[in-house]
């Protein structure tokens, strides 16, 4: 007996490794989707049913800045206006 189209199939996945769980949760946070939606998408991508979403923004880098005194010094030097160049 086959399932009707409007019925959904559910799975329970056991023994998920910690690294897989962490990466899946990180991906869900970046996408702004639920863990279930993200798991389904990753599963479909892995099976070749759909292509991975490509983001063209920098949201994945938000909040990742690390203080670095050498970088701050270089940025400070770049902010200086050379008056002679503007004459």
C-alpha atoms as a PDB file:
ATOM      1  CA  UNK A   1       0.000   0.000   0.000  1.00  0.00           C
ATOM      2  CA  UNK A   2       1.508   3.328  -1.042  1.00  0.00           C
ATOM      3  CA  UNK A   3       1.332   6.611   0.799  1.00  0.00           C
ATOM      4  CA  UNK A   4      -0.906   9.330  -0.555  1.00  0.00           C
ATOM      5  CA  UNK A   5       0.897  12.459  -1.740  1.00  0.00           C
ATOM      6  CA  UNK A   6      -0.291  14.672   1.117  1.00  0.00           C
ATOM      7  CA  UNK A   7       1.015  12.321   3.811  1.00  0.00           C
ATOM      8  CA  UNK A   8       4.564  12.840   5.019  1.00  0.00           C
ATOM      9  CA  UNK A   9       7.105  10.232   5.949  1.00  0.00           C
ATOM     10  CA  UNK A  10       8.977  10.695   9.201  1.00  0.00           C
ATOM     11  CA  UNK A  11      12.359   9.376  10.272  1.00  0.00           C
ATOM     12  CA  UNK A  12      14.095   9.097  13.603  1.00  0.00           C
ATOM     13  CA  UNK A  13      17.867   9.290  13.294  1.00  0.00           C
ATOM     14  CA  UNK A  14      19.893   7.808  16.139  1.00  0.00           C
ATOM     15  CA  UNK A  15      23.588   7.950  16.910  1.00  0.00           C
ATOM     16  CA  UNK A  16      24.282  11.352  15.346  1.00  0.00           C
ATOM     17  CA  UNK A  17      27.957  12.189  15.940  1.00  0.00           C
ATOM     18  CA  UNK A  18      28.651  15.384  17.911  1.00  0.00           C
ATOM     19  CA  UNK A  19      30.498  17.007  15.001  1.00  0.00           C
ATOM     20  CA  UNK A  20      27.575  16.307  12.637  1.00  0.00           C
ATOM     21  CA  UNK A  21      25.129  17.759  15.165  1.00  0.00           C
ATOM     22  CA  UNK A  22      27.263  20.870  15.654  1.00  0.00           C
ATOM     23  CA  UNK A  23      27.724  21.487  11.928  1.00  0.00           C
ATOM     24  CA  UNK A  24      24.034  20.937  11.212  1.00  0.00           C
ATOM     25  CA  UNK A  25      23.032  23.373  13.958  1.00  0.00           C
ATOM     26  CA  UNK A  26      25.552  25.954  12.699  1.00  0.00           C
ATOM     27  CA  UNK A  27      24.196  25.623   9.158  1.00  0.00           C
ATOM     28  CA  UNK A  28      20.628  26.033  10.450  1.00  0.00           C
ATOM     29  CA  UNK A  29      21.663  29.200  12.292  1.00  0.00           C
ATOM     30  CA  UNK A  30      23.324  30.630   9.171  1.00  0.00           C
ATOM     31  CA  UNK A  31      20.302  29.776   6.986  1.00  0.00           C
ATOM     32  CA  UNK A  32      17.861  30.970   9.629  1.00  0.00           C
ATOM     33  CA  UNK A  33      15.905  27.730   9.284  1.00  0.00           C
ATOM     34  CA  UNK A  34      14.802  25.020  11.670  1.00  0.00           C
ATOM     35  CA  UNK A  35      17.021  22.046  12.387  1.00  0.00           C
ATOM     36  CA  UNK A  36      14.489  19.805  10.608  1.00  0.00           C
ATOM     37  CA  UNK A  37      14.418  21.965   7.455  1.00  0.00           C
ATOM     38  CA  UNK A  38      18.203  22.116   7.377  1.00  0.00           C
ATOM     39  CA  UNK A  39      18.580  18.361   7.903  1.00  0.00           C
ATOM     40  CA  UNK A  40      16.149  17.698   5.046  1.00  0.00           C
ATOM     41  CA  UNK A  41      18.009  20.082   2.744  1.00  0.00           C
ATOM     42  CA  UNK A  42      21.413  18.595   3.587  1.00  0.00           C
ATOM     43  CA  UNK A  43      20.038  15.092   3.052  1.00  0.00           C
ATOM     44  CA  UNK A  44      18.601  16.073  -0.334  1.00  0.00           C
ATOM     45  CA  UNK A  45      21.870  17.751  -1.363  1.00  0.00           C
ATOM     46  CA  UNK A  46      23.796  14.636  -0.337  1.00  0.00           C
ATOM     47  CA  UNK A  47      21.496  12.455  -2.424  1.00  0.00           C
ATOM     48  CA  UNK A  48      21.789  14.781  -5.406  1.00  0.00           C
ATOM     49  CA  UNK A  49      18.068  15.589  -5.350  1.00  0.00           C
ATOM     50  CA  UNK A  50      18.654  19.342  -5.071  1.00  0.00           C
ATOM     51  CA  UNK A  51      21.562  21.765  -5.214  1.00  0.00           C
ATOM     52  CA  UNK A  52      23.002  23.557  -2.205  1.00  0.00           C
ATOM     53  CA  UNK A  53      21.874  27.134  -1.681  1.00  0.00           C
ATOM     54  CA  UNK A  54      24.543  29.655  -2.511  1.00  0.00           C
ATOM     55  CA  UNK A  55      24.587  32.831  -0.468  1.00  0.00           C
ATOM     56  CA  UNK A  56      26.251  35.923  -1.823  1.00  0.00           C
ATOM     57  CA  UNK A  57      26.304  37.898   1.399  1.00  0.00           C
ATOM     58  CA  UNK A  58      28.607  38.129   4.380  1.00  0.00           C
ATOM     59  CA  UNK A  59      26.154  37.014   7.080  1.00  0.00           C
ATOM     60  CA  UNK A  60      28.312  33.980   7.828  1.00  0.00           C
ATOM     61  CA  UNK A  61      31.091  36.293   8.966  1.00  0.00           C
ATOM     62  CA  UNK A  62      28.960  38.406  11.311  1.00  0.00           C
ATOM     63  CA  UNK A  63      30.298  38.303  14.839  1.00  0.00           C
ATOM     64  CA  UNK A  64      33.570  36.605  13.888  1.00  0.00           C
ATOM     65  CA  UNK A  65      35.867  39.628  14.230  1.00  0.00           C
ATOM     66  CA  UNK A  66      38.912  38.928  16.384  1.00  0.00           C
ATOM     67  CA  UNK A  67      40.838  41.815  17.904  1.00  0.00           C
ATOM     68  CA  UNK A  68      44.349  42.015  16.499  1.00  0.00           C
ATOM     69  CA  UNK A  69      46.657  44.877  17.459  1.00  0.00           C
ATOM     70  CA  UNK A  70      48.704  44.609  14.233  1.00  0.00           C
ATOM     71  CA  UNK A  71      45.530  44.848  12.158  1.00  0.00           C
ATOM     72  CA  UNK A  72      44.265  47.791  14.209  1.00  0.00           C
ATOM     73  CA  UNK A  73      47.600  49.579  13.682  1.00  0.00           C
ATOM     74  CA  UNK A  74      47.417  48.979   9.911  1.00  0.00           C
ATOM     75  CA  UNK A  75      43.834  50.261   9.776  1.00  0.00           C
ATOM     76  CA  UNK A  76      44.773  53.306  11.843  1.00  0.00           C
ATOM     77  CA  UNK A  77      47.575  54.097   9.392  1.00  0.00           C
ATOM     78  CA  UNK A  78      45.146  53.779   6.457  1.00  0.00           C
ATOM     79  CA  UNK A  79      42.732  56.264   8.029  1.00  0.00           C
ATOM     80  CA  UNK A  80      45.318  59.053   8.020  1.00  0.00           C
ATOM     81  CA  UNK A  81      44.771  61.640   5.307  1.00  0.00           C
ATOM     82  CA  UNK A  82      47.864  62.700   3.415  1.00  0.00           C
ATOM     83  CA  UNK A  83      47.175  66.414   2.929  1.00  0.00           C
ATOM     84  CA  UNK A  84      49.871  66.653   0.250  1.00  0.00           C
ATOM     85  CA  UNK A  85      47.965  64.205  -1.977  1.00  0.00           C
ATOM     86  CA  UNK A  86      44.864  66.420  -1.865  1.00  0.00           C
ATOM     87  CA  UNK A  87      46.580  69.626  -3.056  1.00  0.00           C
END
